PDB file of N, CA and C in Angstrom:
ATOM      1  N   MET A   1       0.842  -1.176   0.000  1.00  0.00           N
ATOM      2  CA  MET A   1       0.000   0.000   0.000  1.00  0.00           C
ATOM      3  C   MET A   1       0.883   1.234   0.000  1.00  0.00           C
ATOM      4  N   GLY A   2       0.379   2.262  -0.606  1.00  0.00           N
ATOM      5  CA  GLY A   2       1.103   3.516  -0.636  1.00  0.00           C
ATOM      6  C   GLY A   2       0.305   4.546  -1.412  1.00  0.00           C
ATOM      7  N   THR A   3       0.963   5.664  -1.670  1.00  0.00           N
ATOM      8  CA  THR A   3       0.361   6.697  -2.503  1.00  0.00           C
ATOM      9  C   THR A   3       1.341   7.068  -3.599  1.00  0.00           C
ATOM     10  N   VAL A   4       0.800   7.549  -4.694  1.00  0.00           N
ATOM     11  CA  VAL A   4       1.620   8.024  -5.800  1.00  0.00           C
ATOM     12  C   VAL A   4       1.045   9.361  -6.248  1.00  0.00           C
ATOM     13  N   GLN A   5       1.932  10.281  -6.573  1.00  0.00           N
ATOM     14  CA  GLN A   5       1.467  11.577  -7.082  1.00  0.00           C
ATOM     15  C   GLN A   5       2.387  12.024  -8.203  1.00  0.00           C
ATOM     16  N   SER A   6       1.838  12.854  -9.060  1.00  0.00           N
ATOM     17  CA  SER A   6       2.560  13.331 -10.231  1.00  0.00           C
ATOM     18  C   SER A   6       2.613  14.849 -10.223  1.00  0.00           C
ATOM     19  N   ALA A   7       3.662  15.391 -10.808  1.00  0.00           N
ATOM     20  CA  ALA A   7       3.796  16.840 -10.907  1.00  0.00           C
ATOM     21  C   ALA A   7       2.818  17.443 -11.910  1.00  0.00           C
ATOM     22  N   ALA A   8       2.173  16.603 -12.722  1.00  0.00           N
ATOM     23  CA  ALA A   8       1.199  17.082 -13.710  1.00  0.00           C
ATOM     24  C   ALA A   8      -0.117  16.332 -13.528  1.00  0.00           C
ATOM     25  N   SER A   9      -1.188  16.912 -14.007  1.00  0.00           N
ATOM     26  CA  SER A   9      -2.495  16.248 -13.935  1.00  0.00           C
ATOM     27  C   SER A   9      -2.661  15.284 -15.105  1.00  0.00           C
ATOM     28  N   ASN A  10      -3.683  14.440 -14.997  1.00  0.00           N
ATOM     29  CA  ASN A  10      -4.053  13.497 -16.057  1.00  0.00           C
ATOM     30  C   ASN A  10      -2.898  12.588 -16.481  1.00  0.00           C
ATOM     31  N   GLN A  11      -2.275  11.937 -15.500  1.00  0.00           N
ATOM     32  CA  GLN A  11      -1.180  11.014 -15.768  1.00  0.00           C
ATOM     33  C   GLN A  11      -1.652   9.574 -15.592  1.00  0.00           C
ATOM     34  N   VAL A  12      -0.994   8.648 -16.253  1.00  0.00           N
ATOM     35  CA  VAL A  12      -1.241   7.220 -16.099  1.00  0.00           C
ATOM     36  C   VAL A  12       0.039   6.621 -15.529  1.00  0.00           C
ATOM     37  N   ILE A  13      -0.045   6.114 -14.297  1.00  0.00           N
ATOM     38  CA  ILE A  13       1.131   5.617 -13.584  1.00  0.00           C
ATOM     39  C   ILE A  13       0.901   4.152 -13.246  1.00  0.00           C
ATOM     40  N   SER A  14       1.869   3.303 -13.554  1.00  0.00           N
ATOM     41  CA  SER A  14       1.804   1.889 -13.198  1.00  0.00           C
ATOM     42  C   SER A  14       2.718   1.639 -12.010  1.00  0.00           C
ATOM     43  N   VAL A  15       2.250   0.815 -11.085  1.00  0.00           N
ATOM     44  CA  VAL A  15       3.018   0.441  -9.906  1.00  0.00           C
ATOM     45  C   VAL A  15       2.937  -1.073  -9.773  1.00  0.00           C
ATOM     46  N   GLY A  16       4.040  -1.705  -9.414  1.00  0.00           N
ATOM     47  CA  GLY A  16       4.037  -3.157  -9.247  1.00  0.00           C
ATOM     48  C   GLY A  16       5.298  -3.631  -8.559  1.00  0.00           C
ATOM     49  N   LEU A  17       5.454  -4.942  -8.513  1.00  0.00           N
ATOM     50  CA  LEU A  17       6.603  -5.563  -7.872  1.00  0.00           C
ATOM     51  C   LEU A  17       7.510  -6.195  -8.913  1.00  0.00           C
ATOM     52  N   ALA A  18       8.791  -6.243  -8.590  1.00  0.00           N
ATOM     53  CA  ALA A  18       9.763  -6.911  -9.450  1.00  0.00           C
ATOM     54  C   ALA A  18      10.612  -7.838  -8.588  1.00  0.00           C
ATOM     55  N   LYS A  19      10.939  -9.003  -9.147  1.00  0.00           N
ATOM     56  CA  LYS A  19      11.824  -9.951  -8.479  1.00  0.00           C
ATOM     57  C   LYS A  19      13.114 -10.027  -9.273  1.00  0.00           C
ATOM     58  N   ASN A  20      14.229  -9.742  -8.604  1.00  0.00           N
ATOM     59  CA  ASN A  20      15.549  -9.765  -9.243  1.00  0.00           C
ATOM     60  C   ASN A  20      15.568  -8.942 -10.534  1.00  0.00           C
ATOM     61  N   GLY A  21      14.863  -7.818 -10.533  1.00  0.00           N
ATOM     62  CA  GLY A  21      14.844  -6.921 -11.678  1.00  0.00           C
ATOM     63  C   GLY A  21      13.823  -7.258 -12.751  1.00  0.00           C
ATOM     64  N   THR A  22      13.041  -8.321 -12.561  1.00  0.00           N
ATOM     65  CA  THR A  22      12.027  -8.718 -13.539  1.00  0.00           C
ATOM     66  C   THR A  22      10.646  -8.371 -13.002  1.00  0.00           C
ATOM     67  N   ILE A  23       9.909  -7.575 -13.764  1.00  0.00           N
ATOM     68  CA  ILE A  23       8.575  -7.145 -13.336  1.00  0.00           C
ATOM     69  C   ILE A  23       7.630  -8.337 -13.275  1.00  0.00           C
ATOM     70  N   GLN A  24       6.896  -8.444 -12.177  1.00  0.00           N
ATOM     71  CA  GLN A  24       5.863  -9.466 -12.010  1.00  0.00           C
ATOM     72  C   GLN A  24       4.557  -8.867 -12.522  1.00  0.00           C
ATOM     73  N   THR A  25       4.204  -9.168 -13.761  1.00  0.00           N
ATOM     74  CA  THR A  25       3.075  -8.493 -14.418  1.00  0.00           C
ATOM     75  C   THR A  25       1.764  -8.663 -13.664  1.00  0.00           C
ATOM     76  N   GLU A  26       1.591  -9.786 -12.960  1.00  0.00           N
ATOM     77  CA  GLU A  26       0.341  -9.993 -12.230  1.00  0.00           C
ATOM     78  C   GLU A  26       0.202  -9.066 -11.027  1.00  0.00           C
ATOM     79  N   SER A  27       1.276  -8.398 -10.617  1.00  0.00           N
ATOM     80  CA  SER A  27       1.208  -7.476  -9.487  1.00  0.00           C
ATOM     81  C   SER A  27       0.957  -6.031  -9.921  1.00  0.00           C
ATOM     82  N   GLU A  28       1.034  -5.758 -11.205  1.00  0.00           N
ATOM     83  CA  GLU A  28       0.972  -4.379 -11.705  1.00  0.00           C
ATOM     84  C   GLU A  28      -0.442  -3.797 -11.641  1.00  0.00           C
ATOM     85  N   VAL A  29      -0.541  -2.576 -11.116  1.00  0.00           N
ATOM     86  CA  VAL A  29      -1.803  -1.839 -11.087  1.00  0.00           C
ATOM     87  C   VAL A  29      -1.594  -0.489 -11.764  1.00  0.00           C
ATOM     88  N   THR A  30      -2.673   0.102 -12.250  1.00  0.00           N
ATOM     89  CA  THR A  30      -2.613   1.399 -12.915  1.00  0.00           C
ATOM     90  C   THR A  30      -3.340   2.434 -12.073  1.00  0.00           C
ATOM     91  N   VAL A  31      -2.689   3.577 -11.902  1.00  0.00           N
ATOM     92  CA  VAL A  31      -3.283   4.701 -11.177  1.00  0.00           C
ATOM     93  C   VAL A  31      -3.406   5.858 -12.164  1.00  0.00           C
ATOM     94  N   ARG A  32      -4.595   6.420 -12.256  1.00  0.00           N
ATOM     95  CA  ARG A  32      -4.818   7.584 -13.128  1.00  0.00           C
ATOM     96  C   ARG A  32      -5.026   8.806 -12.236  1.00  0.00           C
ATOM     97  N   THR A  33      -4.217   9.821 -12.481  1.00  0.00           N
ATOM     98  CA  THR A  33      -4.315  11.028 -11.660  1.00  0.00           C
ATOM     99  C   THR A  33      -5.187  12.057 -12.366  1.00  0.00           C
ATOM    100  N   ASN A  34      -5.905  12.829 -11.592  1.00  0.00           N
ATOM    101  CA  ASN A  34      -6.711  13.923 -12.136  1.00  0.00           C
ATOM    102  C   ASN A  34      -6.098  15.277 -11.834  1.00  0.00           C
ATOM    103  N   VAL A  35      -5.513  15.391 -10.635  1.00  0.00           N
ATOM    104  CA  VAL A  35      -5.007  16.681 -10.152  1.00  0.00           C
ATOM    105  C   VAL A  35      -3.511  16.554  -9.879  1.00  0.00           C
ATOM    106  N   ALA A  36      -2.746  17.543 -10.253  1.00  0.00           N
ATOM    107  CA  ALA A  36      -1.304  17.540 -10.007  1.00  0.00           C
ATOM    108  C   ALA A  36      -1.002  17.613  -8.512  1.00  0.00           C
ATOM    109  N   ASN A  37       0.059  16.936  -8.103  1.00  0.00           N
ATOM    110  CA  ASN A  37       0.577  16.965  -6.736  1.00  0.00           C
ATOM    111  C   ASN A  37      -0.423  16.527  -5.677  1.00  0.00           C
ATOM    112  N   GLN A  38      -1.357  15.699  -6.048  1.00  0.00           N
ATOM    113  CA  GLN A  38      -2.302  15.127  -5.092  1.00  0.00           C
ATOM    114  C   GLN A  38      -2.001  13.636  -4.965  1.00  0.00           C
ATOM    115  N   PRO A  39      -1.853  13.111  -3.731  1.00  0.00           N
ATOM    116  CA  PRO A  39      -1.582  11.680  -3.565  1.00  0.00           C
ATOM    117  C   PRO A  39      -2.795  10.826  -3.917  1.00  0.00           C
ATOM    118  N   TYR A  40      -2.568   9.776  -4.700  1.00  0.00           N
ATOM    119  CA  TYR A  40      -3.591   8.805  -5.060  1.00  0.00           C
ATOM    120  C   TYR A  40      -3.174   7.451  -4.491  1.00  0.00           C
ATOM    121  N   PRO A  41      -4.074   6.765  -3.804  1.00  0.00           N
ATOM    122  CA  PRO A  41      -3.701   5.495  -3.170  1.00  0.00           C
ATOM    123  C   PRO A  41      -3.562   4.358  -4.178  1.00  0.00           C
ATOM    124  N   PHE A  42      -2.692   3.403  -3.839  1.00  0.00           N
ATOM    125  CA  PHE A  42      -2.566   2.170  -4.608  1.00  0.00           C
ATOM    126  C   PHE A  42      -2.253   1.029  -3.650  1.00  0.00           C
ATOM    127  N   ALA A  43      -2.533  -0.171  -4.087  1.00  0.00           N
ATOM    128  CA  ALA A  43      -2.161  -1.371  -3.335  1.00  0.00           C
ATOM    129  C   ALA A  43      -1.758  -2.443  -4.338  1.00  0.00           C
ATOM    130  N   VAL A  44      -0.629  -3.084  -4.099  1.00  0.00           N
ATOM    131  CA  VAL A  44      -0.182  -4.202  -4.925  1.00  0.00           C
ATOM    132  C   VAL A  44       0.112  -5.382  -4.010  1.00  0.00           C
ATOM    133  N   GLN A  45      -0.129  -6.582  -4.531  1.00  0.00           N
ATOM    134  CA  GLN A  45       0.246  -7.778  -3.796  1.00  0.00           C
ATOM    135  C   GLN A  45       0.484  -8.901  -4.780  1.00  0.00           C
ATOM    136  N   ASP A  46       1.305  -9.841  -4.363  1.00  0.00           N
ATOM    137  CA  ASP A  46       1.611 -10.985  -5.199  1.00  0.00           C
ATOM    138  C   ASP A  46       2.246 -12.056  -4.330  1.00  0.00           C
ATOM    139  N   LEU A  47       2.081 -13.301  -4.690  1.00  0.00           N
ATOM    140  CA  LEU A  47       2.792 -14.397  -4.054  1.00  0.00           C
ATOM    141  C   LEU A  47       4.009 -14.692  -4.929  1.00  0.00           C
ATOM    142  N   ILE A  48       5.186 -14.391  -4.400  1.00  0.00           N
ATOM    143  CA  ILE A  48       6.417 -14.525  -5.171  1.00  0.00           C
ATOM    144  C   ILE A  48       7.357 -15.471  -4.433  1.00  0.00           C
ATOM    145  N   PRO A  49       7.665 -16.630  -5.016  1.00  0.00           N
ATOM    146  CA  PRO A  49       8.628 -17.512  -4.363  1.00  0.00           C
ATOM    147  C   PRO A  49      10.024 -16.896  -4.435  1.00  0.00           C
ATOM    148  N   ILE A  50      10.709 -16.868  -3.313  1.00  0.00           N
ATOM    149  CA  ILE A  50      12.058 -16.308  -3.289  1.00  0.00           C
ATOM    150  C   ILE A  50      13.001 -17.282  -2.589  1.00  0.00           C
ATOM    151  N   ALA A  51      14.262 -17.146  -2.916  1.00  0.00           N
ATOM    152  CA  ALA A  51      15.318 -17.957  -2.311  1.00  0.00           C
ATOM    153  C   ALA A  51      16.411 -17.005  -1.826  1.00  0.00           C
ATOM    154  N   ALA A  52      17.363 -17.557  -1.110  1.00  0.00           N
ATOM    155  CA  ALA A  52      18.484 -16.746  -0.628  1.00  0.00           C
ATOM    156  C   ALA A  52      19.137 -16.040  -1.813  1.00  0.00           C
ATOM    157  N   GLY A  53      19.383 -14.754  -1.660  1.00  0.00           N
ATOM    158  CA  GLY A  53      20.004 -13.960  -2.722  1.00  0.00           C
ATOM    159  C   GLY A  53      19.027 -13.240  -3.625  1.00  0.00           C
ATOM    160  N   ASP A  54      17.748 -13.615  -3.599  1.00  0.00           N
ATOM    161  CA  ASP A  54      16.732 -12.913  -4.391  1.00  0.00           C
ATOM    162  C   ASP A  54      16.432 -11.563  -3.751  1.00  0.00           C
ATOM    163  N   TYR A  55      15.937 -10.620  -4.546  1.00  0.00           N
ATOM    164  CA  TYR A  55      15.511  -9.334  -4.013  1.00  0.00           C
ATOM    165  C   TYR A  55      14.220  -8.891  -4.691  1.00  0.00           C
ATOM    166  N   ILE A  56      13.426  -8.145  -3.936  1.00  0.00           N
ATOM    167  CA  ILE A  56      12.137  -7.639  -4.405  1.00  0.00           C
ATOM    168  C   ILE A  56      12.214  -6.118  -4.458  1.00  0.00           C
ATOM    169  N   GLU A  57      11.657  -5.523  -5.515  1.00  0.00           N
ATOM    170  CA  GLU A  57      11.630  -4.072  -5.681  1.00  0.00           C
ATOM    171  C   GLU A  57      10.215  -3.606  -6.002  1.00  0.00           C
ATOM    172  N   LEU A  58       9.934  -2.371  -5.661  1.00  0.00           N
ATOM    173  CA  LEU A  58       8.720  -1.704  -6.113  1.00  0.00           C
ATOM    174  C   LEU A  58       9.105  -0.915  -7.357  1.00  0.00           C
ATOM    175  N   PHE A  59       8.382  -1.098  -8.450  1.00  0.00           N
ATOM    176  CA  PHE A  59       8.680  -0.310  -9.642  1.00  0.00           C
ATOM    177  C   PHE A  59       7.526   0.639  -9.920  1.00  0.00           C
ATOM    178  N   VAL A  60       7.873   1.770 -10.497  1.00  0.00           N
ATOM    179  CA  VAL A  60       6.895   2.787 -10.874  1.00  0.00           C
ATOM    180  C   VAL A  60       7.198   3.193 -12.309  1.00  0.00           C
ATOM    181  N   ARG A  61       6.164   3.187 -13.144  1.00  0.00           N
ATOM    182  CA  ARG A  61       6.334   3.566 -14.546  1.00  0.00           C
ATOM    183  C   ARG A  61       5.306   4.643 -14.868  1.00  0.00           C
ATOM    184  N   ASN A  62       5.787   5.751 -15.399  1.00  0.00           N
ATOM    185  CA  ASN A  62       4.914   6.840 -15.818  1.00  0.00           C
ATOM    186  C   ASN A  62       4.976   6.921 -17.335  1.00  0.00           C
ATOM    187  N   THR A  63       3.836   6.836 -17.992  1.00  0.00           N
ATOM    188  CA  THR A  63       3.816   6.865 -19.456  1.00  0.00           C
ATOM    189  C   THR A  63       3.962   8.277 -20.012  1.00  0.00           C
ATOM    190  N   PHE A  64       3.972   9.278 -19.123  1.00  0.00           N
ATOM    191  CA  PHE A  64       4.170  10.658 -19.532  1.00  0.00           C
ATOM    192  C   PHE A  64       5.510  11.140 -18.992  1.00  0.00           C
ATOM    193  N   SER A  65       5.816  12.401 -19.114  1.00  0.00           N
ATOM    194  CA  SER A  65       7.155  12.874 -18.780  1.00  0.00           C
ATOM    195  C   SER A  65       7.275  13.596 -17.440  1.00  0.00           C
ATOM    196  N   SER A  66       6.218  13.744 -16.693  1.00  0.00           N
ATOM    197  CA  SER A  66       6.300  14.501 -15.447  1.00  0.00           C
ATOM    198  C   SER A  66       6.866  13.637 -14.319  1.00  0.00           C
ATOM    199  N   ASP A  67       7.397  14.308 -13.293  1.00  0.00           N
ATOM    200  CA  ASP A  67       7.965  13.616 -12.141  1.00  0.00           C
ATOM    201  C   ASP A  67       6.880  12.897 -11.352  1.00  0.00           C
ATOM    202  N   VAL A  68       7.246  11.757 -10.740  1.00  0.00           N
ATOM    203  CA  VAL A  68       6.335  10.957  -9.931  1.00  0.00           C
ATOM    204  C   VAL A  68       6.957  10.758  -8.560  1.00  0.00           C
ATOM    205  N   ARG A  69       6.134  10.793  -7.531  1.00  0.00           N
ATOM    206  CA  ARG A  69       6.597  10.576  -6.159  1.00  0.00           C
ATOM    207  C   ARG A  69       5.752   9.489  -5.508  1.00  0.00           C
ATOM    208  N   VAL A  70       6.421   8.546  -4.828  1.00  0.00           N
ATOM    209  CA  VAL A  70       5.748   7.510  -4.049  1.00  0.00           C
ATOM    210  C   VAL A  70       5.877   7.888  -2.584  1.00  0.00           C
ATOM    211  N   GLY A  71       4.774   7.783  -1.847  1.00  0.00           N
ATOM    212  CA  GLY A  71       4.802   8.117  -0.430  1.00  0.00           C
ATOM    213  C   GLY A  71       3.975   7.150   0.389  1.00  0.00           C
ATOM    214  N   ASP A  72       4.075   7.296   1.693  1.00  0.00           N
ATOM    215  CA  ASP A  72       3.284   6.495   2.635  1.00  0.00           C
ATOM    216  C   ASP A  72       3.347   5.008   2.322  1.00  0.00           C
ATOM    217  N   LEU A  73       4.538   4.529   1.970  1.00  0.00           N
ATOM    218  CA  LEU A  73       4.703   3.142   1.552  1.00  0.00           C
ATOM    219  C   LEU A  73       4.696   2.209   2.755  1.00  0.00           C
ATOM    220  N   ASN A  74       3.871   1.172   2.682  1.00  0.00           N
ATOM    221  CA  ASN A  74       3.761   0.163   3.726  1.00  0.00           C
ATOM    222  C   ASN A  74       4.021  -1.191   3.079  1.00  0.00           C
ATOM    223  N   VAL A  75       5.101  -1.866   3.478  1.00  0.00           N
ATOM    224  CA  VAL A  75       5.495  -3.144   2.869  1.00  0.00           C
ATOM    225  C   VAL A  75       5.396  -4.241   3.916  1.00  0.00           C
ATOM    226  N   ILE A  76       4.746  -5.342   3.548  1.00  0.00           N
ATOM    227  CA  ILE A  76       4.655  -6.516   4.417  1.00  0.00           C
ATOM    228  C   ILE A  76       5.113  -7.719   3.613  1.00  0.00           C
ATOM    229  N   ILE A  77       6.102  -8.430   4.154  1.00  0.00           N
ATOM    230  CA  ILE A  77       6.587  -9.657   3.527  1.00  0.00           C
ATOM    231  C   ILE A  77       6.392 -10.766   4.550  1.00  0.00           C
ATOM    232  N   ASP A  78       5.760 -11.846   4.117  1.00  0.00           N
ATOM    233  CA  ASP A  78       5.441 -12.924   5.041  1.00  0.00           C
ATOM    234  C   ASP A  78       5.827 -14.262   4.413  1.00  0.00           C
ATOM    235  N   LYS A  79       6.360 -15.143   5.212  1.00  0.00           N
ATOM    236  CA  LYS A  79       6.715 -16.479   4.776  1.00  0.00           C
ATOM    237  C   LYS A  79       5.482 -17.362   4.818  1.00  0.00           C
ATOM    238  N   ILE A  80       5.234 -18.096   3.730  1.00  0.00           N
ATOM    239  CA  ILE A  80       4.126 -19.026   3.663  1.00  0.00           C
ATOM    240  C   ILE A  80       4.716 -20.433   3.573  1.00  0.00           C
ATOM    241  N   GLY A  81       4.251 -21.308   4.406  1.00  0.00           N
ATOM    242  CA  GLY A  81       4.765 -22.673   4.397  1.00  0.00           C
ATOM    243  C   GLY A  81       5.841 -22.856   5.441  1.00  0.00           C
ATOM    244  N   SER A  82       6.583 -23.956   5.314  1.00  0.00           N
ATOM    245  CA  SER A  82       7.571 -24.287   6.346  1.00  0.00           C
ATOM    246  C   SER A  82       8.910 -23.649   6.172  1.00  0.00           C
TER     247      SER A  82
END
């Protein structure tokens, strides 16, 4: 969970997770902004198997040219299974 905001209005911003630099397409969500510099909420989740040495990243993609800011980020990682 978090918020994303853009320096310009009417932007299309994608947010998702990546494992070892590879975007997990099933985690990707799209946020459309109406007003500049206003935080818009998003939530992403995915079940991603990881092993020692793997890393997870949050990626943000803006299809336009204005600056994007992520805020109020809340990350929860939980082990499932033994």
